[in-house]
Amino acid sequence: MLIGELSRRTGVSARSLRYYEAQGLLEARRGANGYRTYDEDAVASVRKIRALLRAGLSTEVIRQVLPCARGEQADFDWCAELRAILDGELADLDEQIETLRRSRGALVGLLAER
């Protein structure tokens, strides 16, 4: 299928699809006319990519995790490295949340002095 059809079927812009391809998340072949063509399984791949992006993962992490995703949704085949990667991402998020809590507390303190 061409990029326009993939875009319509997934609700993802052609620009985003090209970006996913540039990031190594999605594969396209080039037809004789130079147009990108995608296999039928690209629809499921794009849905997985979107689900992983909604979970806050970077494209670099998604590139590592995507081979373990299966099915239409982001169901996972718990391959060897997947748990460690996701545990690391969760720890990073927890650290960011704690940093934001400290910053918020400091800001509340500044406002209370007024």
PDB file of N, CA and C in Angstrom:
ATOM      1  N   MET A   1       0.845  -1.179   0.000  1.00  0.00           N
ATOM      2  CA  MET A   1       0.000   0.000   0.000  1.00  0.00           C
ATOM      3  C   MET A   1       0.889   1.241   0.000  1.00  0.00           C
ATOM      4  N   LEU A   2       0.357   2.302  -0.540  1.00  0.00           N
ATOM      5  CA  LEU A   2       1.090   3.564  -0.588  1.00  0.00           C
ATOM      6  C   LEU A   2       0.942   4.316   0.726  1.00  0.00           C
ATOM      7  N   ILE A   3       1.781   5.319   0.929  1.00  0.00           N
ATOM      8  CA  ILE A   3       1.820   6.049   2.189  1.00  0.00           C
ATOM      9  C   ILE A   3       0.474   6.722   2.507  1.00  0.00           C
ATOM     10  N   GLY A   4      -0.226   7.199   1.476  1.00  0.00           N
ATOM     11  CA  GLY A   4      -1.525   7.833   1.702  1.00  0.00           C
ATOM     12  C   GLY A   4      -2.545   6.866   2.274  1.00  0.00           C
ATOM     13  N   GLU A   5      -2.545   5.646   1.762  1.00  0.00           N
ATOM     14  CA  GLU A   5      -3.466   4.634   2.274  1.00  0.00           C
ATOM     15  C   GLU A   5      -3.100   4.252   3.702  1.00  0.00           C
ATOM     16  N   LEU A   6      -1.815   4.075   3.984  1.00  0.00           N
ATOM     17  CA  LEU A   6      -1.386   3.764   5.350  1.00  0.00           C
ATOM     18  C   LEU A   6      -1.787   4.887   6.294  1.00  0.00           C
ATOM     19  N   SER A   7      -1.637   6.105   5.838  1.00  0.00           N
ATOM     20  CA  SER A   7      -2.036   7.262   6.640  1.00  0.00           C
ATOM     21  C   SER A   7      -3.533   7.221   6.932  1.00  0.00           C
ATOM     22  N   ARG A   8      -4.343   6.964   5.921  1.00  0.00           N
ATOM     23  CA  ARG A   8      -5.802   6.897   6.118  1.00  0.00           C
ATOM     24  C   ARG A   8      -6.197   5.760   7.050  1.00  0.00           C
ATOM     25  N   ARG A   9      -5.556   4.620   6.903  1.00  0.00           N
ATOM     26  CA  ARG A   9      -5.928   3.444   7.708  1.00  0.00           C
ATOM     27  C   ARG A   9      -5.492   3.555   9.159  1.00  0.00           C
ATOM     28  N   THR A  10      -4.478   4.338   9.420  1.00  0.00           N
ATOM     29  CA  THR A  10      -3.967   4.455  10.796  1.00  0.00           C
ATOM     30  C   THR A  10      -4.301   5.791  11.454  1.00  0.00           C
ATOM     31  N   GLY A  11      -4.689   6.777  10.662  1.00  0.00           N
ATOM     32  CA  GLY A  11      -4.939   8.102  11.215  1.00  0.00           C
ATOM     33  C   GLY A  11      -3.666   8.853  11.551  1.00  0.00           C
ATOM     34  N   VAL A  12      -2.560   8.420  11.011  1.00  0.00           N
ATOM     35  CA  VAL A  12      -1.253   9.025  11.253  1.00  0.00           C
ATOM     36  C   VAL A  12      -0.832   9.761   9.983  1.00  0.00           C
ATOM     37  N   SER A  13      -0.335  10.964  10.134  1.00  0.00           N
ATOM     38  CA  SER A  13       0.037  11.761   8.962  1.00  0.00           C
ATOM     39  C   SER A  13       1.178  11.103   8.184  1.00  0.00           C
ATOM     40  N   ALA A  14       1.213  11.392   6.889  1.00  0.00           N
ATOM     41  CA  ALA A  14       2.298  10.880   6.041  1.00  0.00           C
ATOM     42  C   ALA A  14       3.641  11.382   6.556  1.00  0.00           C
ATOM     43  N   ARG A  15       3.656  12.608   7.040  1.00  0.00           N
ATOM     44  CA  ARG A  15       4.896  13.159   7.587  1.00  0.00           C
ATOM     45  C   ARG A  15       5.399  12.325   8.762  1.00  0.00           C
ATOM     46  N   SER A  16       4.480  11.944   9.668  1.00  0.00           N
ATOM     47  CA  SER A  16       4.871  11.097  10.802  1.00  0.00           C
ATOM     48  C   SER A  16       5.349   9.737  10.331  1.00  0.00           C
ATOM     49  N   LEU A  17       4.688   9.179   9.323  1.00  0.00           N
ATOM     50  CA  LEU A  17       5.112   7.876   8.798  1.00  0.00           C
ATOM     51  C   LEU A  17       6.521   7.948   8.229  1.00  0.00           C
ATOM     52  N   ARG A  18       6.815   9.030   7.519  1.00  0.00           N
ATOM     53  CA  ARG A  18       8.175   9.197   6.994  1.00  0.00           C
ATOM     54  C   ARG A  18       9.178   9.339   8.142  1.00  0.00           C
ATOM     55  N   TYR A  19       8.780  10.038   9.207  1.00  0.00           N
ATOM     56  CA  TYR A  19       9.639  10.182  10.382  1.00  0.00           C
ATOM     57  C   TYR A  19       9.893   8.818  11.023  1.00  0.00           C
ATOM     58  N   TYR A  20       8.841   8.008  11.175  1.00  0.00           N
ATOM     59  CA  TYR A  20       9.028   6.668  11.753  1.00  0.00           C
ATOM     60  C   TYR A  20       9.998   5.855  10.906  1.00  0.00           C
ATOM     61  N   GLU A  21       9.887   5.988   9.611  1.00  0.00           N
ATOM     62  CA  GLU A  21      10.801   5.287   8.716  1.00  0.00           C
ATOM     63  C   GLU A  21      12.234   5.776   8.919  1.00  0.00           C
ATOM     64  N   ALA A  22      12.416   7.088   9.003  1.00  0.00           N
ATOM     65  CA  ALA A  22      13.757   7.660   9.198  1.00  0.00           C
ATOM     66  C   ALA A  22      14.365   7.221  10.529  1.00  0.00           C
ATOM     67  N   GLN A  23      13.512   6.977  11.530  1.00  0.00           N
ATOM     68  CA  GLN A  23      13.981   6.548  12.841  1.00  0.00           C
ATOM     69  C   GLN A  23      14.206   5.035  12.917  1.00  0.00           C
ATOM     70  N   GLY A  24      13.949   4.329  11.839  1.00  0.00           N
ATOM     71  CA  GLY A  24      14.155   2.881  11.821  1.00  0.00           C
ATOM     72  C   GLY A  24      13.030   2.099  12.475  1.00  0.00           C
ATOM     73  N   LEU A  25      11.848   2.715  12.601  1.00  0.00           N
ATOM     74  CA  LEU A  25      10.715   2.052  13.244  1.00  0.00           C
ATOM     75  C   LEU A  25       9.780   1.380  12.244  1.00  0.00           C
ATOM     76  N   LEU A  26       9.830   1.809  11.017  1.00  0.00           N
ATOM     77  CA  LEU A  26       8.901   1.345   9.999  1.00  0.00           C
ATOM     78  C   LEU A  26       9.680   1.135   8.709  1.00  0.00           C
ATOM     79  N   GLU A  27       9.357   0.051   8.011  1.00  0.00           N
ATOM     80  CA  GLU A  27      10.054  -0.243   6.759  1.00  0.00           C
ATOM     81  C   GLU A  27       9.154   0.013   5.570  1.00  0.00           C
ATOM     82  N   ALA A  28       9.725   0.602   4.552  1.00  0.00           N
ATOM     83  CA  ALA A  28       9.023   0.805   3.280  1.00  0.00           C
ATOM     84  C   ALA A  28       9.955   0.375   2.162  1.00  0.00           C
ATOM     85  N   ARG A  29       9.351  -0.135   1.129  1.00  0.00           N
ATOM     86  CA  ARG A  29      10.107  -0.428  -0.086  1.00  0.00           C
ATOM     87  C   ARG A  29       9.801   0.691  -1.070  1.00  0.00           C
ATOM     88  N   ARG A  30      10.643   0.845  -2.029  1.00  0.00           N
ATOM     89  CA  ARG A  30      10.403   1.832  -3.080  1.00  0.00           C
ATOM     90  C   ARG A  30       9.977   1.112  -4.343  1.00  0.00           C
ATOM     91  N   GLY A  31       8.859   1.560  -4.898  1.00  0.00           N
ATOM     92  CA  GLY A  31       8.391   1.000  -6.158  1.00  0.00           C
ATOM     93  C   GLY A  31       9.236   1.526  -7.303  1.00  0.00           C
ATOM     94  N   ALA A  32       8.986   1.018  -8.500  1.00  0.00           N
ATOM     95  CA  ALA A  32       9.724   1.462  -9.683  1.00  0.00           C
ATOM     96  C   ALA A  32       9.537   2.958  -9.912  1.00  0.00           C
ATOM     97  N   ASN A  33       8.402   3.477  -9.460  1.00  0.00           N
ATOM     98  CA  ASN A  33       8.115   4.904  -9.608  1.00  0.00           C
ATOM     99  C   ASN A  33       8.728   5.750  -8.491  1.00  0.00           C
ATOM    100  N   GLY A  34       9.397   5.104  -7.536  1.00  0.00           N
ATOM    101  CA  GLY A  34      10.028   5.815  -6.426  1.00  0.00           C
ATOM    102  C   GLY A  34       9.133   6.014  -5.224  1.00  0.00           C
ATOM    103  N   TYR A  35       7.860   5.627  -5.335  1.00  0.00           N
ATOM    104  CA  TYR A  35       6.922   5.785  -4.218  1.00  0.00           C
ATOM    105  C   TYR A  35       7.191   4.749  -3.136  1.00  0.00           C
ATOM    106  N   ARG A  36       6.940   5.151  -1.900  1.00  0.00           N
ATOM    107  CA  ARG A  36       7.046   4.213  -0.793  1.00  0.00           C
ATOM    108  C   ARG A  36       5.873   3.236  -0.864  1.00  0.00           C
ATOM    109  N   THR A  37       6.172   1.961  -0.634  1.00  0.00           N
ATOM    110  CA  THR A  37       5.112   0.962  -0.510  1.00  0.00           C
ATOM    111  C   THR A  37       5.316   0.211   0.794  1.00  0.00           C
ATOM    112  N   TYR A  38       4.212  -0.089   1.443  1.00  0.00           N
ATOM    113  CA  TYR A  38       4.235  -0.746   2.748  1.00  0.00           C
ATOM    114  C   TYR A  38       3.492  -2.066   2.665  1.00  0.00           C
ATOM    115  N   ASP A  39       3.952  -3.044   3.425  1.00  0.00           N
ATOM    116  CA  ASP A  39       3.258  -4.318   3.544  1.00  0.00           C
ATOM    117  C   ASP A  39       2.022  -4.129   4.414  1.00  0.00           C
ATOM    118  N   GLU A  40       1.141  -5.087   4.372  1.00  0.00           N
ATOM    119  CA  GLU A  40      -0.096  -5.039   5.167  1.00  0.00           C
ATOM    120  C   GLU A  40       0.188  -4.947   6.663  1.00  0.00           C
ATOM    121  N   ASP A  41       1.270  -5.573   7.124  1.00  0.00           N
ATOM    122  CA  ASP A  41       1.576  -5.551   8.554  1.00  0.00           C
ATOM    123  C   ASP A  41       2.041  -4.174   9.048  1.00  0.00           C
ATOM    124  N   ALA A  42       2.238  -3.230   8.134  1.00  0.00           N
ATOM    125  CA  ALA A  42       2.631  -1.876   8.538  1.00  0.00           C
ATOM    126  C   ALA A  42       1.541  -1.201   9.360  1.00  0.00           C
ATOM    127  N   VAL A  43       0.280  -1.547   9.099  1.00  0.00           N
ATOM    128  CA  VAL A  43      -0.835  -0.967   9.861  1.00  0.00           C
ATOM    129  C   VAL A  43      -0.669  -1.323  11.342  1.00  0.00           C
ATOM    130  N   ALA A  44      -0.435  -2.590  11.626  1.00  0.00           N
ATOM    131  CA  ALA A  44      -0.241  -3.028  13.011  1.00  0.00           C
ATOM    132  C   ALA A  44       1.021  -2.403  13.606  1.00  0.00           C
ATOM    133  N   SER A  45       2.074  -2.301  12.811  1.00  0.00           N
ATOM    134  CA  SER A  45       3.317  -1.696  13.305  1.00  0.00           C
ATOM    135  C   SER A  45       3.092  -0.246  13.709  1.00  0.00           C
ATOM    136  N   VAL A  46       2.375   0.505  12.891  1.00  0.00           N
ATOM    137  CA  VAL A  46       2.114   1.912  13.211  1.00  0.00           C
ATOM    138  C   VAL A  46       1.278   2.013  14.485  1.00  0.00           C
ATOM    139  N   ARG A  47       0.295   1.142  14.648  1.00  0.00           N
ATOM    140  CA  ARG A  47      -0.525   1.157  15.876  1.00  0.00           C
ATOM    141  C   ARG A  47       0.334   0.875  17.109  1.00  0.00           C
ATOM    142  N   LYS A  48       1.272  -0.045  16.980  1.00  0.00           N
ATOM    143  CA  LYS A  48       2.179  -0.343  18.097  1.00  0.00           C
ATOM    144  C   LYS A  48       3.062   0.860  18.407  1.00  0.00           C
ATOM    145  N   ILE A  49       3.598   1.471  17.364  1.00  0.00           N
ATOM    146  CA  ILE A  49       4.459   2.641  17.550  1.00  0.00           C
ATOM    147  C   ILE A  49       3.684   3.734  18.272  1.00  0.00           C
ATOM    148  N   ARG A  50       2.457   3.987  17.852  1.00  0.00           N
ATOM    149  CA  ARG A  50       1.639   5.032  18.485  1.00  0.00           C
ATOM    150  C   ARG A  50       1.364   4.703  19.952  1.00  0.00           C
ATOM    151  N   ALA A  51       1.063   3.446  20.253  1.00  0.00           N
ATOM    152  CA  ALA A  51       0.807   3.047  21.637  1.00  0.00           C
ATOM    153  C   ALA A  51       2.050   3.251  22.497  1.00  0.00           C
ATOM    154  N   LEU A  52       3.202   2.918  21.956  1.00  0.00           N
ATOM    155  CA  LEU A  52       4.453   3.079  22.710  1.00  0.00           C
ATOM    156  C   LEU A  52       4.800   4.557  22.879  1.00  0.00           C
ATOM    157  N   LEU A  53       4.514   5.368  21.875  1.00  0.00           N
ATOM    158  CA  LEU A  53       4.725   6.819  22.014  1.00  0.00           C
ATOM    159  C   LEU A  53       3.803   7.394  23.088  1.00  0.00           C
ATOM    160  N   ARG A  54       2.531   6.930  23.126  1.00  0.00           N
ATOM    161  CA  ARG A  54       1.603   7.396  24.165  1.00  0.00           C
ATOM    162  C   ARG A  54       2.089   7.010  25.555  1.00  0.00           C
ATOM    163  N   ALA A  55       2.835   5.912  25.647  1.00  0.00           N
ATOM    164  CA  ALA A  55       3.389   5.481  26.941  1.00  0.00           C
ATOM    165  C   ALA A  55       4.603   6.315  27.336  1.00  0.00           C
ATOM    166  N   GLY A  56       4.985   7.258  26.461  1.00  0.00           N
ATOM    167  CA  GLY A  56       6.084   8.163  26.794  1.00  0.00           C
ATOM    168  C   GLY A  56       7.461   7.680  26.391  1.00  0.00           C
ATOM    169  N   LEU A  57       7.524   6.630  25.602  1.00  0.00           N
ATOM    170  CA  LEU A  57       8.827   6.110  25.192  1.00  0.00           C
ATOM    171  C   LEU A  57       9.385   6.917  24.025  1.00  0.00           C
ATOM    172  N   SER A  58      10.680   7.072  24.004  1.00  0.00           N
ATOM    173  CA  SER A  58      11.349   7.765  22.894  1.00  0.00           C
ATOM    174  C   SER A  58      11.437   6.820  21.699  1.00  0.00           C
ATOM    175  N   THR A  59      11.673   7.385  20.536  1.00  0.00           N
ATOM    176  CA  THR A  59      11.807   6.533  19.350  1.00  0.00           C
ATOM    177  C   THR A  59      13.012   5.607  19.471  1.00  0.00           C
ATOM    178  N   GLU A  60      14.032   6.041  20.171  1.00  0.00           N
ATOM    179  CA  GLU A  60      15.211   5.174  20.379  1.00  0.00           C
ATOM    180  C   GLU A  60      14.826   3.941  21.187  1.00  0.00           C
ATOM    181  N   VAL A  61      14.049   4.137  22.248  1.00  0.00           N
ATOM    182  CA  VAL A  61      13.609   3.006  23.072  1.00  0.00           C
ATOM    183  C   VAL A  61      12.623   2.153  22.282  1.00  0.00           C
ATOM    184  N   ILE A  62      11.724   2.798  21.537  1.00  0.00           N
ATOM    185  CA  ILE A  62      10.750   2.044  20.747  1.00  0.00           C
ATOM    186  C   ILE A  62      11.464   1.149  19.750  1.00  0.00           C
ATOM    187  N   ARG A  63      12.545   1.621  19.165  1.00  0.00           N
ATOM    188  CA  ARG A  63      13.314   0.804  18.219  1.00  0.00           C
ATOM    189  C   ARG A  63      13.793  -0.481  18.891  1.00  0.00           C
ATOM    190  N   GLN A  64      14.139  -0.401  20.167  1.00  0.00           N
ATOM    191  CA  GLN A  64      14.597  -1.581  20.896  1.00  0.00           C
ATOM    192  C   GLN A  64      13.429  -2.488  21.292  1.00  0.00           C
ATOM    193  N   VAL A  65      12.300  -1.883  21.630  1.00  0.00           N
ATOM    194  CA  VAL A  65      11.150  -2.615  22.159  1.00  0.00           C
ATOM    195  C   VAL A  65      10.266  -3.203  21.058  1.00  0.00           C
ATOM    196  N   LEU A  66      10.178  -2.536  19.936  1.00  0.00           N
ATOM    197  CA  LEU A  66       9.256  -2.912  18.874  1.00  0.00           C
ATOM    198  C   LEU A  66       9.375  -4.374  18.420  1.00  0.00           C
ATOM    199  N   PRO A  67      10.563  -4.932  18.325  1.00  0.00           N
ATOM    200  CA  PRO A  67      10.633  -6.341  17.913  1.00  0.00           C
ATOM    201  C   PRO A  67       9.930  -7.295  18.882  1.00  0.00           C
ATOM    202  N   CYS A  68       9.700  -6.859  20.114  1.00  0.00           N
ATOM    203  CA  CYS A  68       9.016  -7.710  21.100  1.00  0.00           C
ATOM    204  C   CYS A  68       7.510  -7.488  21.115  1.00  0.00           C
ATOM    205  N   ALA A  69       7.029  -6.485  20.390  1.00  0.00           N
ATOM    206  CA  ALA A  69       5.592  -6.210  20.328  1.00  0.00           C
ATOM    207  C   ALA A  69       4.959  -7.139  19.301  1.00  0.00           C
ATOM    208  N   ARG A  70       3.790  -7.643  19.623  1.00  0.00           N
ATOM    209  CA  ARG A  70       3.081  -8.520  18.691  1.00  0.00           C
ATOM    210  C   ARG A  70       1.596  -8.197  18.748  1.00  0.00           C
ATOM    211  N   GLY A  71       0.867  -8.604  17.747  1.00  0.00           N
ATOM    212  CA  GLY A  71      -0.571  -8.375  17.714  1.00  0.00           C
ATOM    213  C   GLY A  71      -0.910  -6.946  17.312  1.00  0.00           C
ATOM    214  N   GLU A  72      -2.192  -6.642  17.273  1.00  0.00           N
ATOM    215  CA  GLU A  72      -2.674  -5.324  16.858  1.00  0.00           C
ATOM    216  C   GLU A  72      -2.366  -4.251  17.895  1.00  0.00           C
ATOM    217  N   GLN A  73      -2.479  -4.580  19.152  1.00  0.00           N
ATOM    218  CA  GLN A  73      -2.169  -3.633  20.214  1.00  0.00           C
ATOM    219  C   GLN A  73      -0.710  -3.834  20.600  1.00  0.00           C
ATOM    220  N   ALA A  74      -0.255  -3.091  21.567  1.00  0.00           N
ATOM    221  CA  ALA A  74       1.134  -3.238  21.986  1.00  0.00           C
ATOM    222  C   ALA A  74       1.239  -4.345  23.034  1.00  0.00           C
ATOM    223  N   ASP A  75       0.830  -5.554  22.651  1.00  0.00           N
ATOM    224  CA  ASP A  75       1.032  -6.712  23.509  1.00  0.00           C
ATOM    225  C   ASP A  75       2.486  -7.122  23.322  1.00  0.00           C
ATOM    226  N   PHE A  76       3.077  -7.656  24.372  1.00  0.00           N
ATOM    227  CA  PHE A  76       4.501  -7.929  24.289  1.00  0.00           C
ATOM    228  C   PHE A  76       4.828  -9.391  24.468  1.00  0.00           C
ATOM    229  N   ASP A  77       5.780  -9.827  23.685  1.00  0.00           N
ATOM    230  CA  ASP A  77       6.428 -11.111  23.852  1.00  0.00           C
ATOM    231  C   ASP A  77       7.626 -10.760  24.724  1.00  0.00           C
ATOM    232  N   TRP A  78       7.617 -11.167  25.954  1.00  0.00           N
ATOM    233  CA  TRP A  78       8.625 -10.697  26.913  1.00  0.00           C
ATOM    234  C   TRP A  78       9.998 -11.268  26.591  1.00  0.00           C
ATOM    235  N   CYS A  79      10.603 -10.731  25.540  1.00  0.00           N
ATOM    236  CA  CYS A  79      11.944 -11.145  25.149  1.00  0.00           C
ATOM    237  C   CYS A  79      12.945 -10.702  26.222  1.00  0.00           C
ATOM    238  N   ALA A  80      14.121 -11.233  26.151  1.00  0.00           N
ATOM    239  CA  ALA A  80      15.126 -11.100  27.210  1.00  0.00           C
ATOM    240  C   ALA A  80      15.350  -9.684  27.711  1.00  0.00           C
ATOM    241  N   GLU A  81      15.494  -8.731  26.828  1.00  0.00           N
ATOM    242  CA  GLU A  81      15.855  -7.379  27.247  1.00  0.00           C
ATOM    243  C   GLU A  81      14.661  -6.480  27.531  1.00  0.00           C
ATOM    244  N   LEU A  82      13.475  -6.890  27.130  1.00  0.00           N
ATOM    245  CA  LEU A  82      12.315  -6.007  27.217  1.00  0.00           C
ATOM    246  C   LEU A  82      12.028  -5.542  28.641  1.00  0.00           C
ATOM    247  N   ARG A  83      11.992  -6.461  29.575  1.00  0.00           N
ATOM    248  CA  ARG A  83      11.672  -6.102  30.959  1.00  0.00           C
ATOM    249  C   ARG A  83      12.691  -5.104  31.508  1.00  0.00           C
ATOM    250  N   ALA A  84      13.964  -5.324  31.237  1.00  0.00           N
ATOM    251  CA  ALA A  84      15.004  -4.410  31.724  1.00  0.00           C
ATOM    252  C   ALA A  84      14.856  -3.026  31.104  1.00  0.00           C
ATOM    253  N   ILE A  85      14.536  -2.971  29.819  1.00  0.00           N
ATOM    254  CA  ILE A  85      14.372  -1.683  29.144  1.00  0.00           C
ATOM    255  C   ILE A  85      13.203  -0.919  29.747  1.00  0.00           C
ATOM    256  N   LEU A  86      12.053  -1.591  29.884  1.00  0.00           N
ATOM    257  CA  LEU A  86      10.866  -0.913  30.420  1.00  0.00           C
ATOM    258  C   LEU A  86      11.026  -0.563  31.894  1.00  0.00           C
ATOM    259  N   ASP A  87      11.691  -1.423  32.673  1.00  0.00           N
ATOM    260  CA  ASP A  87      11.967  -1.082  34.075  1.00  0.00           C
ATOM    261  C   ASP A  87      12.846   0.164  34.162  1.00  0.00           C
ATOM    262  N   GLY A  88      13.828   0.270  33.282  1.00  0.00           N
ATOM    263  CA  GLY A  88      14.690   1.450  33.250  1.00  0.00           C
ATOM    264  C   GLY A  88      13.922   2.701  32.884  1.00  0.00           C
ATOM    265  N   GLU A  89      13.023   2.600  31.921  1.00  0.00           N
ATOM    266  CA  GLU A  89      12.194   3.744  31.529  1.00  0.00           C
ATOM    267  C   GLU A  89      11.283   4.173  32.675  1.00  0.00           C
ATOM    268  N   LEU A  90      10.719   3.199  33.388  1.00  0.00           N
ATOM    269  CA  LEU A  90       9.856   3.511  34.523  1.00  0.00           C
ATOM    270  C   LEU A  90      10.648   4.192  35.636  1.00  0.00           C
ATOM    271  N   ALA A  91      11.847   3.723  35.892  1.00  0.00           N
ATOM    272  CA  ALA A  91      12.697   4.358  36.902  1.00  0.00           C
ATOM    273  C   ALA A  91      13.032   5.793  36.506  1.00  0.00           C
ATOM    274  N   ASP A  92      13.300   6.028  35.231  1.00  0.00           N
ATOM    275  CA  ASP A  92      13.568   7.396  34.755  1.00  0.00           C
ATOM    276  C   ASP A  92      12.355   8.293  34.954  1.00  0.00           C
ATOM    277  N   LEU A  93      11.164   7.772  34.662  1.00  0.00           N
ATOM    278  CA  LEU A  93       9.941   8.556  34.864  1.00  0.00           C
ATOM    279  C   LEU A  93       9.735   8.880  36.337  1.00  0.00           C
ATOM    280  N   ASP A  94       9.958   7.893  37.202  1.00  0.00           N
ATOM    281  CA  ASP A  94       9.817   8.125  38.641  1.00  0.00           C
ATOM    282  C   ASP A  94      10.776   9.211  39.118  1.00  0.00           C
ATOM    283  N   GLU A  95      11.986   9.202  38.592  1.00  0.00           N
ATOM    284  CA  GLU A  95      12.977  10.225  38.948  1.00  0.00           C
ATOM    285  C   GLU A  95      12.527  11.604  38.472  1.00  0.00           C
ATOM    286  N   GLN A  96      12.002  11.670  37.267  1.00  0.00           N
ATOM    287  CA  GLN A  96      11.504  12.946  36.746  1.00  0.00           C
ATOM    288  C   GLN A  96      10.338  13.458  37.575  1.00  0.00           C
ATOM    289  N   ILE A  97       9.448  12.563  37.976  1.00  0.00           N
ATOM    290  CA  ILE A  97       8.309  12.957  38.813  1.00  0.00           C
ATOM    291  C   ILE A  97       8.804  13.512  40.137  1.00  0.00           C
ATOM    292  N   GLU A  98       9.769  12.859  40.746  1.00  0.00           N
ATOM    293  CA  GLU A  98      10.306  13.327  42.029  1.00  0.00           C
ATOM    294  C   GLU A  98      10.971  14.694  41.871  1.00  0.00           C
ATOM    295  N   THR A  99      11.700  14.887  40.790  1.00  0.00           N
ATOM    296  CA  THR A  99      12.327  16.182  40.524  1.00  0.00           C
ATOM    297  C   THR A  99      11.267  17.264  40.382  1.00  0.00           C
ATOM    298  N   LEU A 100      10.191  16.963  39.679  1.00  0.00           N
ATOM    299  CA  LEU A 100       9.096  17.926  39.525  1.00  0.00           C
ATOM    300  C   LEU A 100       8.419  18.219  40.863  1.00  0.00           C
ATOM    301  N   ARG A 101       8.271  17.211  41.707  1.00  0.00           N
ATOM    302  CA  ARG A 101       7.685  17.441  43.041  1.00  0.00           C
ATOM    303  C   ARG A 101       8.559  18.381  43.868  1.00  0.00           C
ATOM    304  N   ARG A 102       9.870  18.174  43.815  1.00  0.00           N
ATOM    305  CA  ARG A 102      10.777  19.055  44.565  1.00  0.00           C
ATOM    306  C   ARG A 102      10.705  20.479  44.024  1.00  0.00           C
ATOM    307  N   SER A 103      10.687  20.609  42.701  1.00  0.00           N
ATOM    308  CA  SER A 103      10.587  21.940  42.094  1.00  0.00           C
ATOM    309  C   SER A 103       9.274  22.609  42.477  1.00  0.00           C
ATOM    310  N   ARG A 104       8.200  21.847  42.460  1.00  0.00           N
ATOM    311  CA  ARG A 104       6.903  22.398  42.836  1.00  0.00           C
ATOM    312  C   ARG A 104       6.920  22.857  44.291  1.00  0.00           C
ATOM    313  N   GLY A 105       7.504  22.055  45.153  1.00  0.00           N
ATOM    314  CA  GLY A 105       7.592  22.414  46.572  1.00  0.00           C
ATOM    315  C   GLY A 105       8.385  23.699  46.766  1.00  0.00           C
ATOM    316  N   ALA A 106       9.468  23.827  46.043  1.00  0.00           N
ATOM    317  CA  ALA A 106      10.279  25.046  46.144  1.00  0.00           C
ATOM    318  C   ALA A 106       9.493  26.257  45.659  1.00  0.00           C
ATOM    319  N   LEU A 107       8.748  26.099  44.592  1.00  0.00           N
ATOM    320  CA  LEU A 107       7.945  27.195  44.066  1.00  0.00           C
ATOM    321  C   LEU A 107       6.818  27.574  45.033  1.00  0.00           C
ATOM    322  N   VAL A 108       6.184  26.576  45.613  1.00  0.00           N
ATOM    323  CA  VAL A 108       5.147  26.850  46.625  1.00  0.00           C
ATOM    324  C   VAL A 108       5.763  27.619  47.790  1.00  0.00           C
ATOM    325  N   GLY A 109       6.960  27.218  48.194  1.00  0.00           N
ATOM    326  CA  GLY A 109       7.645  27.928  49.276  1.00  0.00           C
ATOM    327  C   GLY A 109       7.924  29.384  48.937  1.00  0.00           C
ATOM    328  N   LEU A 110       8.365  29.630  47.731  1.00  0.00           N
ATOM    329  CA  LEU A 110       8.602  31.013  47.299  1.00  0.00           C
ATOM    330  C   LEU A 110       7.318  31.834  47.309  1.00  0.00           C
ATOM    331  N   LEU A 111       6.248  31.241  46.845  1.00  0.00           N
ATOM    332  CA  LEU A 111       4.972  31.952  46.813  1.00  0.00           C
ATOM    333  C   LEU A 111       4.428  32.203  48.226  1.00  0.00           C
ATOM    334  N   ALA A 112       4.718  31.295  49.149  1.00  0.00           N
ATOM    335  CA  ALA A 112       4.241  31.438  50.534  1.00  0.00           C
ATOM    336  C   ALA A 112       4.941  32.584  51.237  1.00  0.00           C
ATOM    337  N   GLU A 113       6.157  32.928  50.803  1.00  0.00           N
ATOM    338  CA  GLU A 113       6.909  34.026  51.420  1.00  0.00           C
ATOM    339  C   GLU A 113       6.318  35.375  51.074  1.00  0.00           C
ATOM    340  N   ARG A 114       5.524  35.426  50.081  1.00  0.00           N
ATOM    341  CA  ARG A 114       4.951  36.681  49.611  1.00  0.00           C
ATOM    342  C   ARG A 114       3.875  37.169  50.462  1.00  0.00           C
TER     343      ARG A 114
END
